[in-house]
Amino acid sequence: MNDLIKISILTDTREQAPYLFKRWNIKTQETGLTTGDYSLPGFEDKAAIERKTLDDLIGCLMGKDRERFEKELSRARSFELFAVVVEANLSDIANGQYQSNMKPTAALQTLAAFFIRYRVPFLFCSNRAGGEYQVYSLLQKYIQEIEKRFKQSQKHNQEVME
């Protein structure tokens, strides 16, 4: 399957610095997503990606934002695809290169706990361009897998009918 399916990406209206996906000529549409910052039309309750800068991520690991973030992670447990894309390197956390009093070890342990508790991967993508690429790739691959399953189901149904 070399041909990429043309997709449209939904962007949450609260996303403060949305990706534009211009290098892939992707159409985006702003909408109110209940979970995540990016999704696909018709799959808002099945596939979503949350984008975080490093400081935003660290802020979500403590205080009042932690409760809100954990509720989002909990909602996402039922999704077929959910990930948190982080515009930084894991070493940036380990080295405390963020604006917070949270100790690096505490931040790393919290991420490990969230991964175990909510089964959510945190994908460290180095920078904004890497994050945008990862969001595009995840949503593109997800829709390709859906199409593949659909075609397999059609083939199976045709065989049963014969």
N, C-alpha and C. Protein backbone atom coordinates (compact mmCIF):
# COMPACT_ATOMS: atom_id res chain seq x y z
N MET A 1 0.85 -1.18 0.00
CA MET A 1 0.00 0.00 0.00
C MET A 1 0.90 1.24 0.00
N ASN A 2 1.33 1.66 -1.17
CA ASN A 2 2.21 2.81 -1.28
C ASN A 2 1.46 4.11 -1.38
N ASP A 3 0.22 4.06 -1.85
CA ASP A 3 -0.56 5.27 -1.99
C ASP A 3 -1.09 5.72 -0.64
N LEU A 4 -0.79 6.96 -0.30
CA LEU A 4 -1.28 7.50 0.96
C LEU A 4 -2.71 7.97 0.77
N ILE A 5 -3.52 7.68 1.73
CA ILE A 5 -4.91 8.13 1.73
C ILE A 5 -4.90 9.61 2.07
N LYS A 6 -5.65 10.38 1.33
CA LYS A 6 -5.75 11.82 1.60
C LYS A 6 -6.60 12.00 2.86
N ILE A 7 -6.05 12.64 3.85
CA ILE A 7 -6.78 12.82 5.10
C ILE A 7 -7.02 14.30 5.37
N SER A 8 -7.96 14.54 6.23
CA SER A 8 -8.22 15.86 6.78
C SER A 8 -8.03 15.72 8.28
N ILE A 9 -7.44 16.70 8.91
CA ILE A 9 -7.15 16.61 10.34
C ILE A 9 -7.96 17.65 11.10
N LEU A 10 -8.60 17.19 12.18
CA LEU A 10 -9.32 18.09 13.07
C LEU A 10 -8.37 18.63 14.12
N THR A 11 -8.48 19.91 14.40
CA THR A 11 -7.68 20.57 15.42
C THR A 11 -8.61 21.14 16.47
N ASP A 12 -8.30 20.90 17.73
CA ASP A 12 -9.13 21.42 18.81
C ASP A 12 -9.08 22.95 18.81
N THR A 13 -10.21 23.57 19.07
CA THR A 13 -10.30 25.03 19.07
C THR A 13 -9.46 25.66 20.18
N ARG A 14 -9.15 24.89 21.23
CA ARG A 14 -8.34 25.42 22.33
C ARG A 14 -6.84 25.31 22.08
N GLU A 15 -6.46 24.64 21.00
CA GLU A 15 -5.05 24.48 20.68
C GLU A 15 -4.46 25.86 20.37
N GLN A 16 -3.45 26.27 21.17
CA GLN A 16 -2.94 27.63 21.08
C GLN A 16 -1.94 27.85 19.95
N ALA A 17 -1.24 26.80 19.55
CA ALA A 17 -0.27 26.90 18.46
C ALA A 17 -0.44 25.69 17.54
N PRO A 18 -1.56 25.66 16.80
CA PRO A 18 -1.86 24.46 16.00
C PRO A 18 -0.86 24.21 14.88
N TYR A 19 -0.65 22.94 14.62
CA TYR A 19 0.14 22.55 13.45
C TYR A 19 -0.70 22.84 12.21
N LEU A 20 -0.04 23.20 11.12
CA LEU A 20 -0.74 23.51 9.88
C LEU A 20 -0.61 22.40 8.83
N PHE A 21 0.36 21.51 8.99
CA PHE A 21 0.55 20.36 8.10
C PHE A 21 0.72 20.77 6.64
N LYS A 22 1.34 21.93 6.40
CA LYS A 22 1.47 22.46 5.03
C LYS A 22 2.35 21.58 4.14
N ARG A 23 3.38 20.96 4.70
CA ARG A 23 4.27 20.20 3.81
C ARG A 23 3.61 18.94 3.27
N TRP A 24 2.44 18.57 3.82
CA TRP A 24 1.69 17.43 3.31
C TRP A 24 0.42 17.86 2.60
N ASN A 25 0.21 19.17 2.50
CA ASN A 25 -0.99 19.71 1.84
C ASN A 25 -2.27 19.14 2.46
N ILE A 26 -2.30 19.15 3.78
CA ILE A 26 -3.43 18.59 4.53
C ILE A 26 -4.41 19.71 4.88
N LYS A 27 -5.68 19.42 4.70
CA LYS A 27 -6.71 20.36 5.14
C LYS A 27 -6.94 20.14 6.63
N THR A 28 -7.06 21.24 7.35
CA THR A 28 -7.38 21.15 8.77
C THR A 28 -8.70 21.87 9.02
N GLN A 29 -9.34 21.44 10.09
CA GLN A 29 -10.61 22.05 10.47
C GLN A 29 -10.62 22.20 11.98
N GLU A 30 -10.93 23.39 12.46
CA GLU A 30 -11.04 23.60 13.90
C GLU A 30 -12.39 23.11 14.39
N THR A 31 -12.34 22.42 15.53
CA THR A 31 -13.57 21.93 16.16
C THR A 31 -13.30 21.72 17.64
N GLY A 32 -14.32 21.60 18.42
CA GLY A 32 -14.16 21.34 19.84
C GLY A 32 -14.00 19.84 20.09
N LEU A 33 -12.78 19.41 20.34
CA LEU A 33 -12.53 18.00 20.65
C LEU A 33 -12.61 17.79 22.16
N THR A 34 -13.25 16.73 22.60
CA THR A 34 -13.34 16.45 24.03
C THR A 34 -12.04 15.86 24.56
N THR A 35 -11.29 15.19 23.68
CA THR A 35 -10.04 14.56 24.09
C THR A 35 -8.99 14.81 23.01
N GLY A 36 -7.82 15.28 23.41
CA GLY A 36 -6.73 15.49 22.48
C GLY A 36 -6.81 16.81 21.75
N ASP A 37 -5.73 17.08 21.01
CA ASP A 37 -5.63 18.31 20.22
C ASP A 37 -5.85 18.07 18.74
N TYR A 38 -5.66 16.82 18.31
CA TYR A 38 -5.80 16.46 16.89
C TYR A 38 -6.55 15.15 16.76
N SER A 39 -7.37 15.07 15.72
CA SER A 39 -8.12 13.84 15.47
C SER A 39 -8.49 13.79 13.99
N LEU A 40 -9.33 12.84 13.65
CA LEU A 40 -9.80 12.65 12.28
C LEU A 40 -11.32 12.73 12.23
N PRO A 41 -11.89 13.33 11.18
CA PRO A 41 -13.35 13.41 11.08
C PRO A 41 -13.98 12.02 11.14
N GLY A 42 -14.96 11.88 12.01
CA GLY A 42 -15.65 10.60 12.17
C GLY A 42 -14.98 9.65 13.15
N PHE A 43 -13.79 10.00 13.60
CA PHE A 43 -13.05 9.14 14.53
C PHE A 43 -12.67 9.88 15.82
N GLU A 44 -13.38 10.95 16.12
CA GLU A 44 -13.04 11.77 17.29
C GLU A 44 -13.08 10.99 18.59
N ASP A 45 -13.87 9.92 18.64
CA ASP A 45 -13.96 9.11 19.86
C ASP A 45 -13.09 7.86 19.78
N LYS A 46 -12.25 7.77 18.74
CA LYS A 46 -11.41 6.59 18.56
C LYS A 46 -9.93 6.90 18.38
N ALA A 47 -9.61 8.09 17.89
CA ALA A 47 -8.22 8.45 17.61
C ALA A 47 -7.97 9.91 17.94
N ALA A 48 -6.95 10.16 18.74
CA ALA A 48 -6.60 11.54 19.08
C ALA A 48 -5.14 11.60 19.51
N ILE A 49 -4.56 12.77 19.30
CA ILE A 49 -3.19 13.03 19.71
C ILE A 49 -3.19 14.31 20.53
N GLU A 50 -2.53 14.27 21.65
CA GLU A 50 -2.35 15.44 22.51
C GLU A 50 -0.95 15.99 22.26
N ARG A 51 -0.82 17.29 22.02
CA ARG A 51 0.47 17.93 21.80
C ARG A 51 0.88 18.69 23.05
N LYS A 52 2.16 18.58 23.41
CA LYS A 52 2.67 19.30 24.57
C LYS A 52 4.06 19.87 24.28
N THR A 53 4.26 21.11 24.70
CA THR A 53 5.61 21.63 24.79
C THR A 53 6.17 21.07 26.10
N LEU A 54 7.46 21.20 26.30
CA LEU A 54 8.05 20.65 27.52
C LEU A 54 7.49 21.33 28.76
N ASP A 55 7.43 22.65 28.77
CA ASP A 55 6.92 23.35 29.96
C ASP A 55 5.45 23.02 30.21
N ASP A 56 4.68 22.89 29.14
CA ASP A 56 3.27 22.53 29.28
C ASP A 56 3.14 21.13 29.88
N LEU A 57 3.94 20.19 29.38
CA LEU A 57 3.91 18.82 29.92
C LEU A 57 4.23 18.81 31.40
N ILE A 58 5.30 19.46 31.78
CA ILE A 58 5.69 19.48 33.20
C ILE A 58 4.59 20.12 34.05
N GLY A 59 3.98 21.18 33.54
CA GLY A 59 2.87 21.82 34.25
C GLY A 59 1.69 20.88 34.47
N CYS A 60 1.49 19.95 33.53
CA CYS A 60 0.38 18.99 33.64
C CYS A 60 0.69 17.84 34.59
N LEU A 61 1.90 17.78 35.10
CA LEU A 61 2.27 16.69 35.99
C LEU A 61 2.10 17.07 37.46
N MET A 62 1.68 18.32 37.72
CA MET A 62 1.55 18.76 39.11
C MET A 62 0.43 19.79 39.24
N GLY A 63 0.02 20.00 40.46
CA GLY A 63 -0.98 21.02 40.75
C GLY A 63 -2.34 20.76 40.13
N LYS A 64 -3.07 21.85 39.90
CA LYS A 64 -4.45 21.73 39.39
C LYS A 64 -4.52 21.18 37.98
N ASP A 65 -3.49 21.43 37.18
CA ASP A 65 -3.49 20.91 35.81
C ASP A 65 -3.34 19.39 35.77
N ARG A 66 -2.74 18.81 36.79
CA ARG A 66 -2.57 17.35 36.82
C ARG A 66 -3.92 16.64 36.82
N GLU A 67 -4.85 17.11 37.62
CA GLU A 67 -6.17 16.48 37.70
C GLU A 67 -6.87 16.52 36.34
N ARG A 68 -6.81 17.68 35.69
CA ARG A 68 -7.43 17.83 34.37
C ARG A 68 -6.75 16.90 33.36
N PHE A 69 -5.42 16.83 33.40
CA PHE A 69 -4.66 16.00 32.48
C PHE A 69 -4.96 14.51 32.70
N GLU A 70 -5.03 14.11 33.96
CA GLU A 70 -5.34 12.70 34.24
C GLU A 70 -6.75 12.33 33.79
N LYS A 71 -7.69 13.26 33.88
CA LYS A 71 -9.04 12.99 33.36
C LYS A 71 -9.00 12.78 31.86
N GLU A 72 -8.19 13.57 31.17
CA GLU A 72 -8.06 13.40 29.72
C GLU A 72 -7.42 12.05 29.39
N LEU A 73 -6.36 11.69 30.11
CA LEU A 73 -5.71 10.40 29.88
C LEU A 73 -6.67 9.25 30.16
N SER A 74 -7.49 9.41 31.18
CA SER A 74 -8.47 8.38 31.52
C SER A 74 -9.51 8.22 30.40
N ARG A 75 -10.01 9.34 29.88
CA ARG A 75 -10.96 9.28 28.75
C ARG A 75 -10.34 8.57 27.55
N ALA A 76 -9.06 8.81 27.35
CA ALA A 76 -8.37 8.28 26.17
C ALA A 76 -8.10 6.78 26.24
N ARG A 77 -8.25 6.18 27.40
CA ARG A 77 -7.99 4.73 27.54
C ARG A 77 -8.84 3.90 26.59
N SER A 78 -10.02 4.37 26.27
CA SER A 78 -10.90 3.61 25.39
C SER A 78 -10.61 3.84 23.90
N PHE A 79 -9.71 4.74 23.58
CA PHE A 79 -9.40 5.05 22.19
C PHE A 79 -8.55 3.96 21.57
N GLU A 80 -8.70 3.77 20.27
CA GLU A 80 -7.83 2.85 19.54
C GLU A 80 -6.44 3.45 19.37
N LEU A 81 -6.38 4.77 19.22
CA LEU A 81 -5.12 5.49 19.09
C LEU A 81 -5.16 6.71 19.99
N PHE A 82 -4.22 6.79 20.89
CA PHE A 82 -4.02 8.01 21.67
C PHE A 82 -2.57 8.06 22.08
N ALA A 83 -1.96 9.20 21.90
CA ALA A 83 -0.57 9.41 22.31
C ALA A 83 -0.39 10.86 22.69
N VAL A 84 0.62 11.10 23.50
CA VAL A 84 1.02 12.46 23.83
C VAL A 84 2.33 12.72 23.10
N VAL A 85 2.30 13.68 22.20
CA VAL A 85 3.47 14.08 21.43
C VAL A 85 4.12 15.25 22.16
N VAL A 86 5.38 15.09 22.50
CA VAL A 86 6.11 16.10 23.27
C VAL A 86 7.17 16.73 22.38
N GLU A 87 7.15 18.05 22.28
CA GLU A 87 8.10 18.79 21.45
C GLU A 87 9.40 19.01 22.21
N ALA A 88 10.03 17.94 22.61
CA ALA A 88 11.29 18.00 23.37
C ALA A 88 11.90 16.61 23.38
N ASN A 89 13.08 16.52 23.96
CA ASN A 89 13.74 15.23 24.16
C ASN A 89 13.56 14.79 25.60
N LEU A 90 13.58 13.50 25.81
CA LEU A 90 13.48 12.96 27.16
C LEU A 90 14.64 13.49 28.02
N SER A 91 15.79 13.66 27.42
CA SER A 91 16.95 14.17 28.17
C SER A 91 16.71 15.59 28.68
N ASP A 92 15.83 16.35 28.01
CA ASP A 92 15.51 17.70 28.50
C ASP A 92 14.83 17.62 29.87
N ILE A 93 14.03 16.59 30.08
CA ILE A 93 13.41 16.40 31.40
C ILE A 93 14.47 15.94 32.39
N ALA A 94 15.24 14.93 31.99
CA ALA A 94 16.28 14.40 32.89
C ALA A 94 17.26 15.48 33.34
N ASN A 95 17.51 16.45 32.46
CA ASN A 95 18.43 17.53 32.78
C ASN A 95 17.75 18.76 33.38
N GLY A 96 16.44 18.67 33.61
CA GLY A 96 15.71 19.77 34.24
C GLY A 96 15.65 21.03 33.40
N GLN A 97 15.60 20.90 32.09
CA GLN A 97 15.60 22.06 31.20
C GLN A 97 14.17 22.57 30.96
N TYR A 98 13.51 22.93 32.05
CA TYR A 98 12.14 23.42 31.97
C TYR A 98 11.94 24.41 33.12
N GLN A 99 10.85 25.18 33.01
CA GLN A 99 10.53 26.21 34.00
C GLN A 99 9.57 25.65 35.05
N SER A 100 10.12 25.01 36.07
CA SER A 100 9.30 24.45 37.13
C SER A 100 10.19 24.04 38.30
N ASN A 101 9.59 23.97 39.47
CA ASN A 101 10.32 23.47 40.63
C ASN A 101 10.27 21.95 40.73
N MET A 102 9.54 21.29 39.85
CA MET A 102 9.44 19.84 39.88
C MET A 102 10.80 19.23 39.56
N LYS A 103 11.21 18.31 40.41
CA LYS A 103 12.50 17.66 40.20
C LYS A 103 12.42 16.72 39.00
N PRO A 104 13.50 16.62 38.23
CA PRO A 104 13.51 15.75 37.05
C PRO A 104 13.10 14.31 37.35
N THR A 105 13.59 13.76 38.46
CA THR A 105 13.24 12.38 38.80
C THR A 105 11.74 12.23 39.04
N ALA A 106 11.14 13.22 39.70
CA ALA A 106 9.70 13.18 39.95
C ALA A 106 8.92 13.26 38.63
N ALA A 107 9.38 14.10 37.72
CA ALA A 107 8.71 14.22 36.42
C ALA A 107 8.80 12.91 35.64
N LEU A 108 9.98 12.32 35.61
CA LEU A 108 10.16 11.06 34.88
C LEU A 108 9.35 9.92 35.50
N GLN A 109 9.31 9.88 36.82
CA GLN A 109 8.53 8.83 37.49
C GLN A 109 7.03 9.02 37.26
N THR A 110 6.59 10.26 37.20
CA THR A 110 5.18 10.54 36.92
C THR A 110 4.82 10.09 35.51
N LEU A 111 5.68 10.36 34.55
CA LEU A 111 5.43 9.91 33.18
C LEU A 111 5.36 8.38 33.11
N ALA A 112 6.26 7.72 33.82
CA ALA A 112 6.24 6.25 33.85
C ALA A 112 4.93 5.75 34.47
N ALA A 113 4.50 6.39 35.55
CA ALA A 113 3.25 5.99 36.20
C ALA A 113 2.06 6.20 35.27
N PHE A 114 2.04 7.33 34.56
CA PHE A 114 0.93 7.59 33.63
C PHE A 114 0.92 6.57 32.49
N PHE A 115 2.10 6.20 32.02
CA PHE A 115 2.17 5.20 30.96
C PHE A 115 1.57 3.88 31.44
N ILE A 116 1.93 3.47 32.63
CA ILE A 116 1.40 2.21 33.19
C ILE A 116 -0.09 2.34 33.50
N ARG A 117 -0.47 3.40 34.16
CA ARG A 117 -1.85 3.58 34.62
C ARG A 117 -2.84 3.75 33.47
N TYR A 118 -2.45 4.54 32.46
CA TYR A 118 -3.40 4.89 31.39
C TYR A 118 -3.05 4.26 30.04
N ARG A 119 -1.93 3.54 29.97
CA ARG A 119 -1.48 2.92 28.71
C ARG A 119 -1.32 3.96 27.60
N VAL A 120 -0.77 5.09 27.95
CA VAL A 120 -0.58 6.18 26.99
C VAL A 120 0.91 6.38 26.73
N PRO A 121 1.33 6.26 25.47
CA PRO A 121 2.73 6.54 25.17
C PRO A 121 3.00 8.05 25.12
N PHE A 122 4.14 8.43 25.62
CA PHE A 122 4.63 9.80 25.51
C PHE A 122 5.75 9.76 24.48
N LEU A 123 5.52 10.38 23.33
CA LEU A 123 6.47 10.33 22.22
C LEU A 123 7.28 11.62 22.19
N PHE A 124 8.55 11.51 22.48
CA PHE A 124 9.44 12.68 22.51
C PHE A 124 9.99 12.91 21.11
N CYS A 125 9.65 14.05 20.54
CA CYS A 125 9.89 14.32 19.11
C CYS A 125 10.91 15.43 18.86
N SER A 126 11.71 15.77 19.85
CA SER A 126 12.79 16.76 19.74
C SER A 126 12.34 18.21 19.64
N ASN A 127 11.42 18.50 18.72
CA ASN A 127 11.05 19.90 18.50
C ASN A 127 9.67 19.97 17.84
N ARG A 128 9.27 21.17 17.49
CA ARG A 128 7.94 21.38 16.91
C ARG A 128 7.78 20.65 15.56
N ALA A 129 8.78 20.73 14.71
CA ALA A 129 8.71 20.06 13.40
C ALA A 129 8.59 18.54 13.58
N GLY A 130 9.32 17.99 14.53
CA GLY A 130 9.23 16.56 14.81
C GLY A 130 7.86 16.18 15.35
N GLY A 131 7.30 17.04 16.19
CA GLY A 131 5.96 16.80 16.72
C GLY A 131 4.91 16.81 15.63
N GLU A 132 5.00 17.78 14.74
CA GLU A 132 4.05 17.88 13.64
C GLU A 132 4.14 16.63 12.75
N TYR A 133 5.36 16.21 12.45
CA TYR A 133 5.55 15.00 11.64
C TYR A 133 4.94 13.78 12.33
N GLN A 134 5.15 13.66 13.64
CA GLN A 134 4.63 12.50 14.37
C GLN A 134 3.10 12.49 14.40
N VAL A 135 2.48 13.65 14.61
CA VAL A 135 1.02 13.72 14.61
C VAL A 135 0.48 13.30 13.24
N TYR A 136 1.05 13.88 12.18
CA TYR A 136 0.63 13.52 10.83
C TYR A 136 0.80 12.01 10.60
N SER A 137 1.97 11.48 10.93
CA SER A 137 2.26 10.06 10.68
C SER A 137 1.31 9.14 11.43
N LEU A 138 1.07 9.43 12.69
CA LEU A 138 0.18 8.58 13.49
C LEU A 138 -1.24 8.57 12.92
N LEU A 139 -1.76 9.74 12.60
CA LEU A 139 -3.13 9.81 12.08
C LEU A 139 -3.21 9.18 10.68
N GLN A 140 -2.19 9.39 9.86
CA GLN A 140 -2.15 8.79 8.52
C GLN A 140 -2.11 7.27 8.61
N LYS A 141 -1.24 6.74 9.46
CA LYS A 141 -1.14 5.27 9.62
C LYS A 141 -2.42 4.69 10.20
N TYR A 142 -3.03 5.42 11.13
CA TYR A 142 -4.28 4.93 11.72
C TYR A 142 -5.34 4.75 10.63
N ILE A 143 -5.51 5.76 9.79
CA ILE A 143 -6.56 5.68 8.77
C ILE A 143 -6.21 4.61 7.73
N GLN A 144 -4.93 4.40 7.45
CA GLN A 144 -4.53 3.31 6.55
C GLN A 144 -4.90 1.95 7.14
N GLU A 145 -4.70 1.79 8.43
CA GLU A 145 -5.06 0.52 9.08
C GLU A 145 -6.56 0.30 9.08
N ILE A 146 -7.33 1.36 9.26
CA ILE A 146 -8.79 1.25 9.21
C ILE A 146 -9.21 0.80 7.81
N GLU A 147 -8.62 1.42 6.80
CA GLU A 147 -8.96 1.04 5.42
C GLU A 147 -8.58 -0.42 5.15
N LYS A 148 -7.44 -0.84 5.64
CA LYS A 148 -6.98 -2.22 5.46
C LYS A 148 -7.97 -3.20 6.12
N ARG A 149 -8.38 -2.89 7.35
CA ARG A 149 -9.36 -3.75 8.03
C ARG A 149 -10.67 -3.82 7.27
N PHE A 150 -11.10 -2.67 6.75
CA PHE A 150 -12.35 -2.60 6.00
C PHE A 150 -12.27 -3.48 4.75
N LYS A 151 -11.15 -3.38 4.03
CA LYS A 151 -10.98 -4.19 2.82
C LYS A 151 -10.93 -5.68 3.16
N GLN A 152 -10.28 -6.04 4.26
CA GLN A 152 -10.23 -7.44 4.68
C GLN A 152 -11.63 -7.94 5.03
N SER A 153 -12.40 -7.10 5.68
CA SER A 153 -13.76 -7.46 6.05
C SER A 153 -14.62 -7.64 4.80
N GLN A 154 -14.48 -6.76 3.83
CA GLN A 154 -15.23 -6.88 2.58
C GLN A 154 -14.87 -8.18 1.86
N LYS A 155 -13.57 -8.48 1.80
CA LYS A 155 -13.11 -9.70 1.13
C LYS A 155 -13.69 -10.93 1.83
N HIS A 156 -13.63 -10.93 3.15
CA HIS A 156 -14.18 -12.06 3.92
C HIS A 156 -15.68 -12.22 3.65
N ASN A 157 -16.39 -11.10 3.66
CA ASN A 157 -17.84 -11.16 3.42
C ASN A 157 -18.16 -11.67 2.02
N GLN A 158 -17.37 -11.30 1.04
CA GLN A 158 -17.58 -11.78 -0.34
C GLN A 158 -17.33 -13.29 -0.41
N GLU A 159 -16.31 -13.77 0.28
CA GLU A 159 -16.01 -15.20 0.29
C GLU A 159 -17.13 -16.00 0.95
N VAL A 160 -17.68 -15.46 2.00
CA VAL A 160 -18.77 -16.13 2.71
C VAL A 160 -20.03 -16.18 1.84
N MET A 161 -20.26 -15.12 1.07
CA MET A 161 -21.45 -15.04 0.23
C MET A 161 -21.36 -15.96 -0.99
N GLU A 162 -20.16 -16.36 -1.38
CA GLU A 162 -20.00 -17.19 -2.59
C GLU A 162 -20.28 -18.64 -2.32
